[in-house]
Amino acid sequence: MNKKHFIIFSHGFGVKKDSKGLFPEIVKNLKDITPIFFDYNIIDDHTNEMRIQEFSKQVKILENAINKTKTENPNAVIDIISHSQGGLIVGLLKPLGIRKTILIAPPFSTKIDKKLKYYTSRPGTIIDFDGDSRLVRSDGSISILPKEYWAERSQVGDLREIYNDLGKVTDLIIIKALDDEVLDLDASQDVQTAKIINLCGDHNFSGGSRELLLKTLNNQL
């Protein structure tokens, strides 16, 4: 009898647990898996605002989701699929007992220059490292970032080493988006303990690149 197969999904910065439709589409494309979705952030649907929690709180949320799945399903196979900043959260936790971990378009730097330029071009965005920043999203929603988020982000350290350590406790696969418009890419990002897959596509693998991503995930799982 086959063991039950769970996939825990770790979403990225400023989005809800469905990752703007990416994760549900991945689930629809896979067979015989049970997905685990959860939100890292505090969402107010009435004001269309989302309060982004600092890394330490996100790590704890992920840890709780993993522990709950393990406790309720002690003999199950558990994999993790993350997107963008969700991969960093997995790396910071380095959970044990995970068969495969797939990081889709993860960040390799905590530098914020490109990200800030990406958001400050939109009217209404306010950056305040000593208070609450307000980022206007492409869909008109607002992401609120407290000063604690910026403080923890600046103290993360070398992300490549974080992923290297993650690859020592799980079968690690990193899928890079070669046309990423949000995060910086360079050749130095190779992680020795991971299988690196380079795919043509933007940060969210939208349009025609989505099918290639889905096919790749099927092959790896």
C-alpha atoms as a PDB file:
ATOM      1  CA  MET A   1       0.000   0.000   0.000  1.00  0.00           C
ATOM      2  CA  ASN A   2       1.372   3.389  -1.021  1.00  0.00           C
ATOM      3  CA  LYS A   3       2.039   5.931   1.691  1.00  0.00           C
ATOM      4  CA  LYS A   4      -0.071   9.071   1.703  1.00  0.00           C
ATOM      5  CA  HIS A   5       1.743  11.923  -0.014  1.00  0.00           C
ATOM      6  CA  PHE A   6       1.499  15.483   1.313  1.00  0.00           C
ATOM      7  CA  ILE A   7       2.926  18.618  -0.269  1.00  0.00           C
ATOM      8  CA  ILE A   8       3.278  21.664   1.963  1.00  0.00           C
ATOM      9  CA  PHE A   9       3.202  24.938   0.012  1.00  0.00           C
ATOM     10  CA  SER A  10       5.218  27.947   1.215  1.00  0.00           C
ATOM     11  CA  HIS A  11       4.052  31.111  -0.556  1.00  0.00           C
ATOM     12  CA  GLY A  12       6.045  34.236  -1.318  1.00  0.00           C
ATOM     13  CA  PHE A  13       6.090  37.881  -0.347  1.00  0.00           C
ATOM     14  CA  GLY A  14       2.821  39.793  -0.096  1.00  0.00           C
ATOM     15  CA  VAL A  15       0.486  37.147  -1.512  1.00  0.00           C
ATOM     16  CA  LYS A  16      -2.120  34.842  -0.017  1.00  0.00           C
ATOM     17  CA  LYS A  17      -1.770  31.093   0.415  1.00  0.00           C
ATOM     18  CA  ASP A  18      -2.935  30.389  -3.141  1.00  0.00           C
ATOM     19  CA  SER A  19       0.057  32.367  -4.458  1.00  0.00           C
ATOM     20  CA  LYS A  20      -2.174  34.180  -6.982  1.00  0.00           C
ATOM     21  CA  GLY A  21      -3.322  30.893  -8.476  1.00  0.00           C
ATOM     22  CA  LEU A  22       0.121  29.350  -8.929  1.00  0.00           C
ATOM     23  CA  PHE A  23      -0.162  26.740  -6.179  1.00  0.00           C
ATOM     24  CA  PRO A  24      -3.705  25.553  -7.057  1.00  0.00           C
ATOM     25  CA  GLU A  25      -2.584  25.110 -10.658  1.00  0.00           C
ATOM     26  CA  ILE A  26       0.391  23.045  -9.499  1.00  0.00           C
ATOM     27  CA  VAL A  27      -1.913  20.862  -7.375  1.00  0.00           C
ATOM     28  CA  LYS A  28      -4.320  20.356 -10.279  1.00  0.00           C
ATOM     29  CA  ASN A  29      -1.417  19.158 -12.390  1.00  0.00           C
ATOM     30  CA  LEU A  30      -0.158  16.610  -9.846  1.00  0.00           C
ATOM     31  CA  LYS A  31      -1.726  13.245  -9.010  1.00  0.00           C
ATOM     32  CA  ASP A  32      -2.382  11.483  -5.723  1.00  0.00           C
ATOM     33  CA  ILE A  33      -1.167  14.250  -3.417  1.00  0.00           C
ATOM     34  CA  THR A  34      -2.762  16.101  -0.522  1.00  0.00           C
ATOM     35  CA  PRO A  35      -1.885  19.816  -0.496  1.00  0.00           C
ATOM     36  CA  ILE A  36      -1.337  21.870   2.649  1.00  0.00           C
ATOM     37  CA  PHE A  37      -1.958  25.620   2.218  1.00  0.00           C
ATOM     38  CA  PHE A  38      -1.634  28.341   4.858  1.00  0.00           C
ATOM     39  CA  ASP A  39      -1.107  32.104   5.081  1.00  0.00           C
ATOM     40  CA  TYR A  40       2.016  33.707   6.525  1.00  0.00           C
ATOM     41  CA  ASN A  41       0.480  37.161   6.772  1.00  0.00           C
ATOM     42  CA  ILE A  42      -2.462  38.939   8.430  1.00  0.00           C
ATOM     43  CA  ILE A  43      -5.141  39.683   5.841  1.00  0.00           C
ATOM     44  CA  ASP A  44      -7.904  42.287   6.052  1.00  0.00           C
ATOM     45  CA  ASP A  45     -10.310  41.682   3.169  1.00  0.00           C
ATOM     46  CA  HIS A  46     -12.393  44.745   4.074  1.00  0.00           C
ATOM     47  CA  THR A  47      -9.529  47.211   3.586  1.00  0.00           C
ATOM     48  CA  ASN A  48      -7.715  45.094   0.974  1.00  0.00           C
ATOM     49  CA  GLU A  49      -4.597  45.255   3.147  1.00  0.00           C
ATOM     50  CA  MET A  50      -2.105  42.594   4.168  1.00  0.00           C
ATOM     51  CA  ARG A  51       0.294  42.974   7.090  1.00  0.00           C
ATOM     52  CA  ILE A  52       3.543  41.179   6.306  1.00  0.00           C
ATOM     53  CA  GLN A  53       4.929  39.331   9.305  1.00  0.00           C
ATOM     54  CA  GLU A  54       8.643  39.248  10.054  1.00  0.00           C
ATOM     55  CA  PHE A  55      10.698  36.192   9.100  1.00  0.00           C
ATOM     56  CA  SER A  56      10.796  34.680  12.607  1.00  0.00           C
ATOM     57  CA  LYS A  57       6.992  34.546  12.763  1.00  0.00           C
ATOM     58  CA  GLN A  58       6.752  33.066   9.267  1.00  0.00           C
ATOM     59  CA  VAL A  59       9.278  30.387  10.165  1.00  0.00           C
ATOM     60  CA  LYS A  60       7.171  29.437  13.202  1.00  0.00           C
ATOM     61  CA  ILE A  61       4.012  29.208  11.080  1.00  0.00           C
ATOM     62  CA  LEU A  62       5.768  26.867   8.642  1.00  0.00           C
ATOM     63  CA  GLU A  63       7.149  24.771  11.505  1.00  0.00           C
ATOM     64  CA  ASN A  64       3.672  24.400  12.998  1.00  0.00           C
ATOM     65  CA  ALA A  65       2.216  23.306   9.644  1.00  0.00           C
ATOM     66  CA  ILE A  66       4.934  20.681   9.205  1.00  0.00           C
ATOM     67  CA  ASN A  67       4.631  19.364  12.762  1.00  0.00           C
ATOM     68  CA  LYS A  68       0.840  19.140  12.505  1.00  0.00           C
ATOM     69  CA  THR A  69       1.101  17.178   9.253  1.00  0.00           C
ATOM     70  CA  LYS A  70       3.676  14.800  10.745  1.00  0.00           C
ATOM     71  CA  THR A  71       1.703  14.254  13.941  1.00  0.00           C
ATOM     72  CA  GLU A  72      -1.551  13.500  12.145  1.00  0.00           C
ATOM     73  CA  ASN A  73       0.139  11.390   9.433  1.00  0.00           C
ATOM     74  CA  PRO A  74       3.211   9.705  10.965  1.00  0.00           C
ATOM     75  CA  ASN A  75       3.859   7.404   8.000  1.00  0.00           C
ATOM     76  CA  ALA A  76       3.250   9.894   5.210  1.00  0.00           C
ATOM     77  CA  VAL A  77       5.679  11.161   2.577  1.00  0.00           C
ATOM     78  CA  ILE A  78       6.044  14.947   2.909  1.00  0.00           C
ATOM     79  CA  ASP A  79       7.458  17.296   0.290  1.00  0.00           C
ATOM     80  CA  ILE A  80       7.633  21.097   0.220  1.00  0.00           C
ATOM     81  CA  ILE A  81       7.101  23.403  -2.749  1.00  0.00           C
ATOM     82  CA  SER A  82       7.874  27.077  -2.242  1.00  0.00           C
ATOM     83  CA  HIS A  83       7.797  30.197  -4.378  1.00  0.00           C
ATOM     84  CA  SER A  84      10.000  33.279  -4.075  1.00  0.00           C
ATOM     85  CA  GLN A  85      10.501  34.415  -0.452  1.00  0.00           C
ATOM     86  CA  GLY A  86       8.716  31.254   0.692  1.00  0.00           C
ATOM     87  CA  GLY A  87      11.917  29.398  -0.205  1.00  0.00           C
ATOM     88  CA  LEU A  88      13.950  31.551   2.145  1.00  0.00           C
ATOM     89  CA  ILE A  89      11.515  30.768   4.967  1.00  0.00           C
ATOM     90  CA  VAL A  90      12.033  27.053   4.338  1.00  0.00           C
ATOM     91  CA  GLY A  91      15.794  27.609   4.334  1.00  0.00           C
ATOM     92  CA  LEU A  92      15.714  29.468   7.629  1.00  0.00           C
ATOM     93  CA  LEU A  93      13.765  26.624   9.249  1.00  0.00           C
ATOM     94  CA  LYS A  94      15.703  23.708   7.689  1.00  0.00           C
ATOM     95  CA  PRO A  95      12.974  21.204   8.620  1.00  0.00           C
ATOM     96  CA  LEU A  96      13.853  17.564   9.127  1.00  0.00           C
ATOM     97  CA  GLY A  97      11.855  14.652   7.751  1.00  0.00           C
ATOM     98  CA  ILE A  98      11.042  16.270   4.398  1.00  0.00           C
ATOM     99  CA  ARG A  99      11.672  14.038   1.399  1.00  0.00           C
ATOM    100  CA  LYS A 100      11.981  16.665  -1.357  1.00  0.00           C
ATOM    101  CA  THR A 101      12.044  20.447  -1.215  1.00  0.00           C
ATOM    102  CA  ILE A 102      11.530  22.478  -4.383  1.00  0.00           C
ATOM    103  CA  LEU A 103      12.303  26.203  -4.356  1.00  0.00           C
ATOM    104  CA  ILE A 104      10.743  28.064  -7.288  1.00  0.00           C
ATOM    105  CA  ALA A 105      12.418  31.415  -8.101  1.00  0.00           C
ATOM    106  CA  PRO A 106      13.905  31.853  -4.606  1.00  0.00           C
ATOM    107  CA  PRO A 107      15.801  35.011  -3.614  1.00  0.00           C
ATOM    108  CA  PHE A 108      19.580  34.851  -3.382  1.00  0.00           C
ATOM    109  CA  SER A 109      20.027  38.283  -1.838  1.00  0.00           C
ATOM    110  CA  THR A 110      18.245  40.375   0.764  1.00  0.00           C
ATOM    111  CA  LYS A 111      19.248  43.588  -1.019  1.00  0.00           C
ATOM    112  CA  ILE A 112      16.145  45.675  -1.529  1.00  0.00           C
ATOM    113  CA  ASP A 113      17.203  48.120  -4.246  1.00  0.00           C
ATOM    114  CA  LYS A 114      15.490  46.294  -7.106  1.00  0.00           C
ATOM    115  CA  LYS A 115      12.433  45.436  -5.020  1.00  0.00           C
ATOM    116  CA  LEU A 116      11.997  49.018  -3.838  1.00  0.00           C
ATOM    117  CA  LYS A 117      12.333  50.337  -7.383  1.00  0.00           C
ATOM    118  CA  TYR A 118       9.708  47.795  -8.425  1.00  0.00           C
ATOM    119  CA  TYR A 119       7.211  49.155  -5.872  1.00  0.00           C
ATOM    120  CA  THR A 120       8.065  52.861  -5.577  1.00  0.00           C
ATOM    121  CA  SER A 121       7.108  53.372  -9.199  1.00  0.00           C
ATOM    122  CA  ARG A 122       3.485  53.002  -8.079  1.00  0.00           C
ATOM    123  CA  PRO A 123       1.690  56.045  -6.638  1.00  0.00           C
ATOM    124  CA  GLY A 124       0.797  55.638  -2.965  1.00  0.00           C
ATOM    125  CA  THR A 125       3.785  53.518  -1.965  1.00  0.00           C
ATOM    126  CA  ILE A 126       5.453  54.735   1.247  1.00  0.00           C
ATOM    127  CA  ILE A 127       8.784  53.400   2.534  1.00  0.00           C
ATOM    128  CA  ASP A 128       9.451  53.941   6.238  1.00  0.00           C
ATOM    129  CA  PHE A 129      12.168  51.775   7.814  1.00  0.00           C
ATOM    130  CA  ASP A 130      11.359  53.180  11.266  1.00  0.00           C
ATOM    131  CA  GLY A 131       7.602  52.606  11.080  1.00  0.00           C
ATOM    132  CA  ASP A 132       5.104  50.963   8.733  1.00  0.00           C
ATOM    133  CA  SER A 133       5.856  50.872   5.018  1.00  0.00           C
ATOM    134  CA  ARG A 134       2.932  50.672   2.597  1.00  0.00           C
ATOM    135  CA  LEU A 135       3.527  49.006  -0.760  1.00  0.00           C
ATOM    136  CA  VAL A 136       0.918  49.294  -3.500  1.00  0.00           C
ATOM    137  CA  ARG A 137       0.568  45.978  -5.344  1.00  0.00           C
ATOM    138  CA  SER A 138      -0.232  45.491  -9.018  1.00  0.00           C
ATOM    139  CA  ASP A 139      -3.806  44.460  -8.118  1.00  0.00           C
ATOM    140  CA  GLY A 140      -4.357  47.602  -6.027  1.00  0.00           C
ATOM    141  CA  SER A 141      -4.023  45.878  -2.659  1.00  0.00           C
ATOM    142  CA  ILE A 142      -1.681  47.217   0.016  1.00  0.00           C
ATOM    143  CA  SER A 143       1.144  45.350   1.732  1.00  0.00           C
ATOM    144  CA  ILE A 144       2.068  46.815   5.129  1.00  0.00           C
ATOM    145  CA  LEU A 145       5.590  46.074   6.348  1.00  0.00           C
ATOM    146  CA  PRO A 146       6.505  46.852   9.982  1.00  0.00           C
ATOM    147  CA  LYS A 147      10.014  47.958  10.910  1.00  0.00           C
ATOM    148  CA  GLU A 148      10.614  44.501  12.420  1.00  0.00           C
ATOM    149  CA  TYR A 149      10.344  42.965   8.953  1.00  0.00           C
ATOM    150  CA  TRP A 150      13.074  45.215   7.562  1.00  0.00           C
ATOM    151  CA  ALA A 151      15.270  44.638  10.628  1.00  0.00           C
ATOM    152  CA  GLU A 152      15.110  40.844  10.346  1.00  0.00           C
ATOM    153  CA  ARG A 153      15.570  40.966   6.583  1.00  0.00           C
ATOM    154  CA  SER A 154      18.826  42.902   7.003  1.00  0.00           C
ATOM    155  CA  GLN A 155      20.195  40.293   9.420  1.00  0.00           C
ATOM    156  CA  VAL A 156      19.528  37.121   7.426  1.00  0.00           C
ATOM    157  CA  GLY A 157      23.075  36.588   6.138  1.00  0.00           C
ATOM    158  CA  ASP A 158      24.318  34.638   3.107  1.00  0.00           C
ATOM    159  CA  LEU A 159      21.290  33.074   1.415  1.00  0.00           C
ATOM    160  CA  ARG A 160      23.385  30.695  -0.656  1.00  0.00           C
ATOM    161  CA  GLU A 161      24.813  29.204   2.550  1.00  0.00           C
ATOM    162  CA  ILE A 162      21.285  28.957   3.966  1.00  0.00           C
ATOM    163  CA  TYR A 163      20.227  26.912   0.924  1.00  0.00           C
ATOM    164  CA  ASN A 164      23.416  24.836   1.089  1.00  0.00           C
ATOM    165  CA  ASP A 165      22.555  23.880   4.666  1.00  0.00           C
ATOM    166  CA  LEU A 166      18.965  23.118   3.644  1.00  0.00           C
ATOM    167  CA  GLY A 167      20.232  20.735   0.985  1.00  0.00           C
ATOM    168  CA  LYS A 168      22.010  18.712   3.654  1.00  0.00           C
ATOM    169  CA  VAL A 169      18.715  17.672   5.279  1.00  0.00           C
ATOM    170  CA  THR A 170      16.455  17.220   2.222  1.00  0.00           C
ATOM    171  CA  ASP A 171      16.596  16.405  -1.474  1.00  0.00           C
ATOM    172  CA  LEU A 172      16.789  20.034  -2.647  1.00  0.00           C
ATOM    173  CA  ILE A 173      15.777  21.278  -6.096  1.00  0.00           C
ATOM    174  CA  ILE A 174      16.055  24.947  -7.078  1.00  0.00           C
ATOM    175  CA  ILE A 175      14.184  26.181 -10.142  1.00  0.00           C
ATOM    176  CA  LYS A 176      15.491  29.514 -11.402  1.00  0.00           C
ATOM    177  CA  ALA A 177      13.388  31.873 -13.520  1.00  0.00           C
ATOM    178  CA  LEU A 178      15.833  33.112 -16.149  1.00  0.00           C
ATOM    179  CA  ASP A 179      13.700  36.158 -17.019  1.00  0.00           C
ATOM    180  CA  ASP A 180      12.996  37.129 -13.391  1.00  0.00           C
ATOM    181  CA  GLU A 181      11.889  40.772 -13.311  1.00  0.00           C
ATOM    182  CA  VAL A 182      11.728  40.935  -9.508  1.00  0.00           C
ATOM    183  CA  LEU A 183      14.887  39.220  -8.231  1.00  0.00           C
ATOM    184  CA  ASP A 184      18.508  39.451  -9.353  1.00  0.00           C
ATOM    185  CA  LEU A 185      20.236  36.436 -10.873  1.00  0.00           C
ATOM    186  CA  ASP A 186      23.907  35.619 -11.411  1.00  0.00           C
ATOM    187  CA  ALA A 187      26.100  32.564 -11.884  1.00  0.00           C
ATOM    188  CA  SER A 188      27.422  32.675  -8.322  1.00  0.00           C
ATOM    189  CA  GLN A 189      24.057  31.515  -7.030  1.00  0.00           C
ATOM    190  CA  ASP A 190      24.707  27.829  -7.654  1.00  0.00           C
ATOM    191  CA  VAL A 191      24.128  25.782  -4.508  1.00  0.00           C
ATOM    192  CA  GLN A 192      26.372  22.740  -4.157  1.00  0.00           C
ATOM    193  CA  THR A 193      23.838  20.629  -2.280  1.00  0.00           C
ATOM    194  CA  ALA A 194      20.969  21.341  -4.694  1.00  0.00           C
ATOM    195  CA  LYS A 195      19.918  20.273  -8.142  1.00  0.00           C
ATOM    196  CA  ILE A 196      19.660  23.496 -10.172  1.00  0.00           C
ATOM    197  CA  ILE A 197      17.102  23.734 -12.980  1.00  0.00           C
ATOM    198  CA  ASN A 198      17.117  26.820 -15.215  1.00  0.00           C
ATOM    199  CA  LEU A 199      13.816  27.599 -16.926  1.00  0.00           C
ATOM    200  CA  CYS A 200      12.817  30.460 -19.194  1.00  0.00           C
ATOM    201  CA  GLY A 201      10.101  32.476 -17.495  1.00  0.00           C
ATOM    202  CA  ASP A 202       9.344  35.512 -15.381  1.00  0.00           C
ATOM    203  CA  HIS A 203       9.182  35.481 -11.582  1.00  0.00           C
ATOM    204  CA  ASN A 204       5.712  33.878 -11.532  1.00  0.00           C
ATOM    205  CA  PHE A 205       6.213  31.707 -14.629  1.00  0.00           C
ATOM    206  CA  SER A 206       3.235  33.374 -16.247  1.00  0.00           C
ATOM    207  CA  GLY A 207       2.023  32.890 -19.806  1.00  0.00           C
ATOM    208  CA  GLY A 208       3.561  30.091 -21.830  1.00  0.00           C
ATOM    209  CA  SER A 209       6.295  29.409 -19.277  1.00  0.00           C
ATOM    210  CA  ARG A 210       3.747  28.092 -16.757  1.00  0.00           C
ATOM    211  CA  GLU A 211       3.266  24.853 -18.710  1.00  0.00           C
ATOM    212  CA  LEU A 212       7.023  24.248 -18.704  1.00  0.00           C
ATOM    213  CA  LEU A 213       7.148  24.776 -14.934  1.00  0.00           C
ATOM    214  CA  LEU A 214       4.273  22.350 -14.350  1.00  0.00           C
ATOM    215  CA  LYS A 215       5.894  19.702 -16.525  1.00  0.00           C
ATOM    216  CA  THR A 216       9.185  20.140 -14.653  1.00  0.00           C
ATOM    217  CA  LEU A 217       7.496  19.750 -11.269  1.00  0.00           C
ATOM    218  CA  ASN A 218       5.760  16.586 -12.462  1.00  0.00           C
ATOM    219  CA  ASN A 219       9.083  15.132 -13.535  1.00  0.00           C
ATOM    220  CA  GLN A 220      10.775  15.969 -10.230  1.00  0.00           C
ATOM    221  CA  LEU A 221       8.001  14.602  -7.991  1.00  0.00           C
END
